[in-house]
PDB file of N, CA and C in Angstrom:
ATOM      1  N   MET A   1     -22.986-116.621 -76.696  1.00  0.00           N
ATOM      2  CA  MET A   1     -22.916-115.173 -76.689  1.00  0.00           C
ATOM      3  C   MET A   1     -23.916-114.683 -75.667  1.00  0.00           C
ATOM      4  N   SER A   2     -23.606-113.621 -74.932  1.00  0.00           N
ATOM      5  CA  SER A   2     -24.519-113.000 -73.957  1.00  0.00           C
ATOM      6  C   SER A   2     -25.081-111.817 -74.499  1.00  0.00           C
ATOM      7  N   TYR A   3     -26.442-111.559 -74.335  1.00  0.00           N
ATOM      8  CA  TYR A   3     -27.156-110.389 -74.779  1.00  0.00           C
ATOM      9  C   TYR A   3     -27.889-109.740 -73.615  1.00  0.00           C
ATOM     10  N   LEU A   4     -28.048-108.497 -73.728  1.00  0.00           N
ATOM     11  CA  LEU A   4     -28.876-107.651 -72.792  1.00  0.00           C
ATOM     12  C   LEU A   4     -29.915-106.889 -73.625  1.00  0.00           C
ATOM     13  N   VAL A   5     -31.166-107.080 -73.219  1.00  0.00           N
ATOM     14  CA  VAL A   5     -32.289-106.411 -73.835  1.00  0.00           C
ATOM     15  C   VAL A   5     -32.830-105.302 -72.992  1.00  0.00           C
ATOM     16  N   ILE A   6     -32.988-104.150 -73.575  1.00  0.00           N
ATOM     17  CA  ILE A   6     -33.455-102.985 -72.945  1.00  0.00           C
ATOM     18  C   ILE A   6     -34.894-102.735 -73.491  1.00  0.00           C
ATOM     19  N   PHE A   7     -35.859-102.425 -72.608  1.00  0.00           N
ATOM     20  CA  PHE A   7     -37.211-102.359 -73.037  1.00  0.00           C
ATOM     21  C   PHE A   7     -37.861-100.955 -72.880  1.00  0.00           C
ATOM     22  N   HIS A   8     -38.948-100.693 -73.661  1.00  0.00           N
ATOM     23  CA  HIS A   8     -39.738 -99.539 -73.426  1.00  0.00           C
ATOM     24  C   HIS A   8     -40.666 -99.653 -72.272  1.00  0.00           C
ATOM     25  N   THR A   9     -41.226-100.836 -72.070  1.00  0.00           N
ATOM     26  CA  THR A   9     -42.216-101.091 -71.032  1.00  0.00           C
ATOM     27  C   THR A   9     -41.934-102.375 -70.221  1.00  0.00           C
ATOM     28  N   PHE A  10     -42.451-102.365 -69.019  1.00  0.00           N
ATOM     29  CA  PHE A  10     -42.290-103.569 -68.186  1.00  0.00           C
ATOM     30  C   PHE A  10     -43.074-104.769 -68.733  1.00  0.00           C
ATOM     31  N   SER A  11     -44.233-104.458 -69.360  1.00  0.00           N
ATOM     32  CA  SER A  11     -44.979-105.550 -69.964  1.00  0.00           C
ATOM     33  C   SER A  11     -44.108-106.264 -71.081  1.00  0.00           C
ATOM     34  N   GLY A  12     -43.248-105.540 -71.750  1.00  0.00           N
ATOM     35  CA  GLY A  12     -42.378-106.126 -72.744  1.00  0.00           C
ATOM     36  C   GLY A  12     -41.380-107.097 -72.157  1.00  0.00           C
ATOM     37  N   VAL A  13     -40.922-106.775 -70.964  1.00  0.00           N
ATOM     38  CA  VAL A  13     -39.981-107.554 -70.224  1.00  0.00           C
ATOM     39  C   VAL A  13     -40.652-108.878 -69.849  1.00  0.00           C
ATOM     40  N   MET A  14     -41.845-108.762 -69.299  1.00  0.00           N
ATOM     41  CA  MET A  14     -42.638-109.984 -68.935  1.00  0.00           C
ATOM     42  C   MET A  14     -42.945-110.915 -70.138  1.00  0.00           C
ATOM     43  N   ALA A  15     -43.295-110.317 -71.263  1.00  0.00           N
ATOM     44  CA  ALA A  15     -43.649-111.072 -72.434  1.00  0.00           C
ATOM     45  C   ALA A  15     -42.406-111.842 -72.990  1.00  0.00           C
ATOM     46  N   LEU A  16     -41.291-111.198 -73.000  1.00  0.00           N
ATOM     47  CA  LEU A  16     -40.047-111.858 -73.476  1.00  0.00           C
ATOM     48  C   LEU A  16     -39.614-112.937 -72.457  1.00  0.00           C
ATOM     49  N   GLU A  17     -39.738-112.605 -71.139  1.00  0.00           N
ATOM     50  CA  GLU A  17     -39.370-113.581 -70.181  1.00  0.00           C
ATOM     51  C   GLU A  17     -40.243-114.862 -70.286  1.00  0.00           C
ATOM     52  N   ARG A  18     -41.515-114.693 -70.468  1.00  0.00           N
ATOM     53  CA  ARG A  18     -42.465-115.820 -70.734  1.00  0.00           C
ATOM     54  C   ARG A  18     -42.050-116.670 -71.878  1.00  0.00           C
ATOM     55  N   TYR A  19     -41.678-115.972 -72.954  1.00  0.00           N
ATOM     56  CA  TYR A  19     -41.240-116.676 -74.171  1.00  0.00           C
ATOM     57  C   TYR A  19     -39.975-117.431 -73.834  1.00  0.00           C
ATOM     58  N   MET A  20     -38.979-116.883 -73.151  1.00  0.00           N
ATOM     59  CA  MET A  20     -37.730-117.546 -72.880  1.00  0.00           C
ATOM     60  C   MET A  20     -38.009-118.786 -72.011  1.00  0.00           C
ATOM     61  N   LYS A  21     -38.798-118.693 -71.019  1.00  0.00           N
ATOM     62  CA  LYS A  21     -39.063-119.767 -70.113  1.00  0.00           C
ATOM     63  C   LYS A  21     -39.781-120.918 -70.836  1.00  0.00           C
ATOM     64  N   LYS A  22     -40.732-120.512 -71.675  1.00  0.00           N
ATOM     65  CA  LYS A  22     -41.502-121.529 -72.473  1.00  0.00           C
ATOM     66  C   LYS A  22     -40.588-122.345 -73.430  1.00  0.00           C
ATOM     67  N   ASN A  23     -39.495-121.651 -73.855  1.00  0.00           N
ATOM     68  CA  ASN A  23     -38.573-122.296 -74.787  1.00  0.00           C
ATOM     69  C   ASN A  23     -37.296-122.714 -74.131  1.00  0.00           C
ATOM     70  N   ASN A  24     -37.310-122.802 -72.836  1.00  0.00           N
ATOM     71  CA  ASN A  24     -36.165-123.302 -72.021  1.00  0.00           C
ATOM     72  C   ASN A  24     -34.876-122.589 -72.319  1.00  0.00           C
ATOM     73  N   ILE A  25     -34.972-121.278 -72.416  1.00  0.00           N
ATOM     74  CA  ILE A  25     -33.824-120.370 -72.651  1.00  0.00           C
ATOM     75  C   ILE A  25     -33.616-119.741 -71.259  1.00  0.00           C
ATOM     76  N   ASP A  26     -32.441-119.957 -70.707  1.00  0.00           N
ATOM     77  CA  ASP A  26     -32.069-119.232 -69.414  1.00  0.00           C
ATOM     78  C   ASP A  26     -31.947-117.811 -69.599  1.00  0.00           C
ATOM     79  N   CYS A  27     -32.682-117.037 -68.691  1.00  0.00           N
ATOM     80  CA  CYS A  27     -32.623-115.585 -68.785  1.00  0.00           C
ATOM     81  C   CYS A  27     -32.703-115.040 -67.315  1.00  0.00           C
ATOM     82  N   GLU A  28     -32.311-113.801 -67.244  1.00  0.00           N
ATOM     83  CA  GLU A  28     -32.339-113.092 -65.952  1.00  0.00           C
ATOM     84  C   GLU A  28     -32.806-111.642 -66.137  1.00  0.00           C
ATOM     85  N   THR A  29     -33.843-111.305 -65.361  1.00  0.00           N
ATOM     86  CA  THR A  29     -34.278-109.950 -65.370  1.00  0.00           C
ATOM     87  C   THR A  29     -33.448-109.212 -64.319  1.00  0.00           C
ATOM     88  N   MET A  30     -33.141-108.016 -64.660  1.00  0.00           N
ATOM     89  CA  MET A  30     -32.248-107.190 -63.748  1.00  0.00           C
ATOM     90  C   MET A  30     -32.479-105.701 -64.010  1.00  0.00           C
ATOM     91  N   PRO A  31     -31.992-104.865 -63.073  1.00  0.00           N
ATOM     92  CA  PRO A  31     -32.059-103.460 -63.321  1.00  0.00           C
ATOM     93  C   PRO A  31     -31.188-103.179 -64.580  1.00  0.00           C
ATOM     94  N   ALA A  32     -31.643-102.322 -65.453  1.00  0.00           N
ATOM     95  CA  ALA A  32     -30.868-101.897 -66.599  1.00  0.00           C
ATOM     96  C   ALA A  32     -29.738-101.057 -66.190  1.00  0.00           C
ATOM     97  N   PRO A  33     -28.553-101.235 -66.733  1.00  0.00           N
ATOM     98  CA  PRO A  33     -27.351-100.376 -66.392  1.00  0.00           C
ATOM     99  C   PRO A  33     -27.730 -98.914 -66.661  1.00  0.00           C
ATOM    100  N   ARG A  34     -27.346 -98.049 -65.803  1.00  0.00           N
ATOM    101  CA  ARG A  34     -27.750 -96.600 -65.925  1.00  0.00           C
ATOM    102  C   ARG A  34     -27.423 -95.995 -67.273  1.00  0.00           C
ATOM    103  N   GLU A  35     -26.263 -96.375 -67.832  1.00  0.00           N
ATOM    104  CA  GLU A  35     -25.809 -95.718 -69.075  1.00  0.00           C
ATOM    105  C   GLU A  35     -26.642 -96.229 -70.226  1.00  0.00           C
ATOM    106  N   LEU A  36     -27.489 -97.352 -70.085  1.00  0.00           N
ATOM    107  CA  LEU A  36     -28.314 -97.864 -71.118  1.00  0.00           C
ATOM    108  C   LEU A  36     -29.774 -97.684 -70.898  1.00  0.00           C
ATOM    109  N   SER A  37     -30.185 -97.366 -69.686  1.00  0.00           N
ATOM    110  CA  SER A  37     -31.563 -97.385 -69.288  1.00  0.00           C
ATOM    111  C   SER A  37     -32.353 -96.299 -70.023  1.00  0.00           C
ATOM    112  N   VAL A  38     -33.572 -96.580 -70.417  1.00  0.00           N
ATOM    113  CA  VAL A  38     -34.482 -95.596 -71.029  1.00  0.00           C
ATOM    114  C   VAL A  38     -35.706 -95.480 -70.289  1.00  0.00           C
ATOM    115  N   ASP A  39     -36.764 -96.265 -70.625  1.00  0.00           N
ATOM    116  CA  ASP A  39     -38.050 -96.047 -70.091  1.00  0.00           C
ATOM    117  C   ASP A  39     -38.369 -96.815 -68.834  1.00  0.00           C
ATOM    118  N   CYS A  40     -38.347 -98.130 -68.893  1.00  0.00           N
ATOM    119  CA  CYS A  40     -38.847 -98.913 -67.739  1.00  0.00           C
ATOM    120  C   CYS A  40     -37.755 -99.264 -66.690  1.00  0.00           C
ATOM    121  N   GLY A  41     -36.531 -99.187 -67.049  1.00  0.00           N
ATOM    122  CA  GLY A  41     -35.382 -99.404 -66.128  1.00  0.00           C
ATOM    123  C   GLY A  41     -35.064-100.833 -65.798  1.00  0.00           C
ATOM    124  N   VAL A  42     -35.808-101.774 -66.576  1.00  0.00           N
ATOM    125  CA  VAL A  42     -35.534-103.208 -66.384  1.00  0.00           C
ATOM    126  C   VAL A  42     -34.952-103.785 -67.650  1.00  0.00           C
ATOM    127  N   ALA A  43     -34.005-104.656 -67.476  1.00  0.00           N
ATOM    128  CA  ALA A  43     -33.355-105.372 -68.638  1.00  0.00           C
ATOM    129  C   ALA A  43     -33.481-106.866 -68.489  1.00  0.00           C
ATOM    130  N   LEU A  44     -33.281-107.596 -69.524  1.00  0.00           N
ATOM    131  CA  LEU A  44     -33.274-109.029 -69.519  1.00  0.00           C
ATOM    132  C   LEU A  44     -31.959-109.510 -70.183  1.00  0.00           C
ATOM    133  N   ARG A  45     -31.314-110.382 -69.459  1.00  0.00           N
ATOM    134  CA  ARG A  45     -30.014-110.908 -70.049  1.00  0.00           C
ATOM    135  C   ARG A  45     -30.199-112.374 -70.287  1.00  0.00           C
ATOM    136  N   PHE A  46     -29.643-112.779 -71.494  1.00  0.00           N
ATOM    137  CA  PHE A  46     -29.707-114.201 -71.869  1.00  0.00           C
ATOM    138  C   PHE A  46     -28.536-114.602 -72.687  1.00  0.00           C
ATOM    139  N   GLN A  47     -28.335-115.887 -72.799  1.00  0.00           N
ATOM    140  CA  GLN A  47     -27.257-116.543 -73.546  1.00  0.00           C
ATOM    141  C   GLN A  47     -27.913-117.207 -74.770  1.00  0.00           C
ATOM    142  N   SER A  48     -27.325-116.990 -75.927  1.00  0.00           N
ATOM    143  CA  SER A  48     -27.820-117.653 -77.151  1.00  0.00           C
ATOM    144  C   SER A  48     -26.682-117.515 -78.192  1.00  0.00           C
ATOM    145  N   GLU A  49     -26.856-118.384 -79.245  1.00  0.00           N
ATOM    146  CA  GLU A  49     -25.917-118.249 -80.366  1.00  0.00           C
ATOM    147  C   GLU A  49     -26.180-117.037 -81.115  1.00  0.00           C
ATOM    148  N   SER A  50     -27.501-116.592 -81.229  1.00  0.00           N
ATOM    149  CA  SER A  50     -27.841-115.395 -81.938  1.00  0.00           C
ATOM    150  C   SER A  50     -29.147-114.834 -81.379  1.00  0.00           C
ATOM    151  N   TYR A  51     -29.191-113.573 -81.200  1.00  0.00           N
ATOM    152  CA  TYR A  51     -30.385-112.970 -80.815  1.00  0.00           C
ATOM    153  C   TYR A  51     -31.462-112.910 -81.910  1.00  0.00           C
ATOM    154  N   LYS A  52     -30.997-113.011 -83.129  1.00  0.00           N
ATOM    155  CA  LYS A  52     -31.900-112.941 -84.316  1.00  0.00           C
ATOM    156  C   LYS A  52     -32.944-114.095 -84.363  1.00  0.00           C
ATOM    157  N   ASN A  53     -32.551-115.231 -83.859  1.00  0.00           N
ATOM    158  CA  ASN A  53     -33.511-116.348 -83.779  1.00  0.00           C
ATOM    159  C   ASN A  53     -34.658-116.062 -82.897  1.00  0.00           C
ATOM    160  N   ILE A  54     -34.378-115.328 -81.810  1.00  0.00           N
ATOM    161  CA  ILE A  54     -35.403-115.046 -80.817  1.00  0.00           C
ATOM    162  C   ILE A  54     -36.307-113.881 -81.293  1.00  0.00           C
ATOM    163  N   ILE A  55     -35.760-112.817 -81.773  1.00  0.00           N
ATOM    164  CA  ILE A  55     -36.530-111.696 -82.170  1.00  0.00           C
ATOM    165  C   ILE A  55     -37.386-111.939 -83.447  1.00  0.00           C
ATOM    166  N   SER A  56     -37.001-113.020 -84.120  1.00  0.00           N
ATOM    167  CA  SER A  56     -37.789-113.359 -85.307  1.00  0.00           C
ATOM    168  C   SER A  56     -39.119-114.015 -84.858  1.00  0.00           C
ATOM    169  N   GLU A  57     -39.203-114.492 -83.645  1.00  0.00           N
ATOM    170  CA  GLU A  57     -40.316-115.224 -83.196  1.00  0.00           C
ATOM    171  C   GLU A  57     -41.186-114.481 -82.110  1.00  0.00           C
ATOM    172  N   VAL A  58     -40.773-113.230 -81.766  1.00  0.00           N
ATOM    173  CA  VAL A  58     -41.506-112.428 -80.828  1.00  0.00           C
ATOM    174  C   VAL A  58     -41.738-111.072 -81.338  1.00  0.00           C
ATOM    175  N   SER A  59     -42.691-110.421 -80.725  1.00  0.00           N
ATOM    176  CA  SER A  59     -42.955-108.962 -81.133  1.00  0.00           C
ATOM    177  C   SER A  59     -41.833-108.157 -80.530  1.00  0.00           C
ATOM    178  N   THR A  60     -41.257-107.307 -81.330  1.00  0.00           N
ATOM    179  CA  THR A  60     -40.203-106.393 -80.913  1.00  0.00           C
ATOM    180  C   THR A  60     -40.764-105.003 -80.536  1.00  0.00           C
ATOM    181  N   GLU A  61     -42.037-104.876 -80.473  1.00  0.00           N
ATOM    182  CA  GLU A  61     -42.696-103.563 -80.232  1.00  0.00           C
ATOM    183  C   GLU A  61     -42.130-102.890 -79.038  1.00  0.00           C
ATOM    184  N   ASN A  62     -42.002-103.646 -77.873  1.00  0.00           N
ATOM    185  CA  ASN A  62     -41.530-103.055 -76.627  1.00  0.00           C
ATOM    186  C   ASN A  62     -40.092-103.208 -76.406  1.00  0.00           C
ATOM    187  N   ILE A  63     -39.311-103.762 -77.339  1.00  0.00           N
ATOM    188  CA  ILE A  63     -37.883-103.809 -77.200  1.00  0.00           C
ATOM    189  C   ILE A  63     -37.250-102.492 -77.703  1.00  0.00           C
ATOM    190  N   HIS A  64     -36.501-101.878 -76.931  1.00  0.00           N
ATOM    191  CA  HIS A  64     -35.801-100.634 -77.303  1.00  0.00           C
ATOM    192  C   HIS A  64     -34.473-100.942 -78.038  1.00  0.00           C
ATOM    193  N   ARG A  65     -33.619-101.706 -77.349  1.00  0.00           N
ATOM    194  CA  ARG A  65     -32.296-102.032 -77.885  1.00  0.00           C
ATOM    195  C   ARG A  65     -31.825-103.400 -77.415  1.00  0.00           C
ATOM    196  N   ILE A  66     -30.984-104.068 -78.161  1.00  0.00           N
ATOM    197  CA  ILE A  66     -30.348-105.251 -77.708  1.00  0.00           C
ATOM    198  C   ILE A  66     -28.815-105.071 -77.874  1.00  0.00           C
ATOM    199  N   TYR A  67     -28.105-105.423 -76.831  1.00  0.00           N
ATOM    200  CA  TYR A  67     -26.669-105.264 -76.758  1.00  0.00           C
ATOM    201  C   TYR A  67     -25.957-106.661 -76.710  1.00  0.00           C
ATOM    202  N   GLU A  68     -24.938-106.799 -77.345  1.00  0.00           N
ATOM    203  CA  GLU A  68     -24.053-107.999 -77.157  1.00  0.00           C
ATOM    204  C   GLU A  68     -23.111-107.559 -76.010  1.00  0.00           C
ATOM    205  N   VAL A  69     -22.968-108.532 -75.028  1.00  0.00           N
ATOM    206  CA  VAL A  69     -22.176-108.120 -73.875  1.00  0.00           C
ATOM    207  C   VAL A  69     -20.841-108.832 -73.923  1.00  0.00           C
ATOM    208  N   HIS A  70     -19.824-108.079 -73.810  1.00  0.00           N
ATOM    209  CA  HIS A  70     -18.362-108.543 -73.758  1.00  0.00           C
ATOM    210  C   HIS A  70     -17.837-107.882 -72.508  1.00  0.00           C
ATOM    211  N   ASP A  71     -16.766-107.237 -72.646  1.00  0.00           N
ATOM    212  CA  ASP A  71     -16.250-106.320 -71.557  1.00  0.00           C
ATOM    213  C   ASP A  71     -17.018-105.012 -71.500  1.00  0.00           C
ATOM    214  N   SER A  72     -17.673-104.728 -72.626  1.00  0.00           N
ATOM    215  CA  SER A  72     -18.517-103.571 -72.756  1.00  0.00           C
ATOM    216  C   SER A  72     -19.860-103.969 -73.460  1.00  0.00           C
ATOM    217  N   TYR A  73     -20.629-102.991 -73.746  1.00  0.00           N
ATOM    218  CA  TYR A  73     -21.899-103.238 -74.484  1.00  0.00           C
ATOM    219  C   TYR A  73     -21.812-102.828 -75.913  1.00  0.00           C
ATOM    220  N   HIS A  74     -22.135-103.698 -76.855  1.00  0.00           N
ATOM    221  CA  HIS A  74     -22.146-103.366 -78.258  1.00  0.00           C
ATOM    222  C   HIS A  74     -23.548-103.523 -78.852  1.00  0.00           C
ATOM    223  N   LEU A  75     -24.064-102.417 -79.320  1.00  0.00           N
ATOM    224  CA  LEU A  75     -25.414-102.345 -79.871  1.00  0.00           C
ATOM    225  C   LEU A  75     -25.524-103.225 -81.119  1.00  0.00           C
ATOM    226  N   VAL A  76     -26.501-104.147 -81.132  1.00  0.00           N
ATOM    227  CA  VAL A  76     -26.661-105.065 -82.259  1.00  0.00           C
ATOM    228  C   VAL A  76     -28.083-104.860 -82.889  1.00  0.00           C
ATOM    229  N   PHE A  77     -29.050-104.301 -82.089  1.00  0.00           N
ATOM    230  CA  PHE A  77     -30.436-104.130 -82.571  1.00  0.00           C
ATOM    231  C   PHE A  77     -30.952-102.827 -81.916  1.00  0.00           C
ATOM    232  N   GLU A  78     -31.621-102.049 -82.753  1.00  0.00           N
ATOM    233  CA  GLU A  78     -32.286-100.840 -82.221  1.00  0.00           C
ATOM    234  C   GLU A  78     -33.691-100.761 -82.895  1.00  0.00           C
ATOM    235  N   ASN A  79     -34.681-100.539 -82.034  1.00  0.00           N
ATOM    236  CA  ASN A  79     -36.053-100.394 -82.530  1.00  0.00           C
ATOM    237  C   ASN A  79     -36.479 -98.934 -82.403  1.00  0.00           C
ATOM    238  N   ASP A  80     -36.692 -98.285 -83.526  1.00  0.00           N
ATOM    239  CA  ASP A  80     -37.005 -96.847 -83.446  1.00  0.00           C
ATOM    240  C   ASP A  80     -38.318 -96.568 -82.988  1.00  0.00           C
TER     241      ASP A  80
END
């Protein structure tokens, strides 16, 4: 499954990217799609069986939303 993470801050992007690399999870930082962008304008895309495994091990403080990516974006996690 492919996921796209939208962040509140750029430091949140960097923290999750470090976690992914440390755990050998392929990821790509990229500009956030305009229709999804909020604060920092940067997103992180990754492949995993479930996003829940990852967010259970990292701070979600700077994560705004996580989308499952198919032909469109499906919201699966939102941090208020």
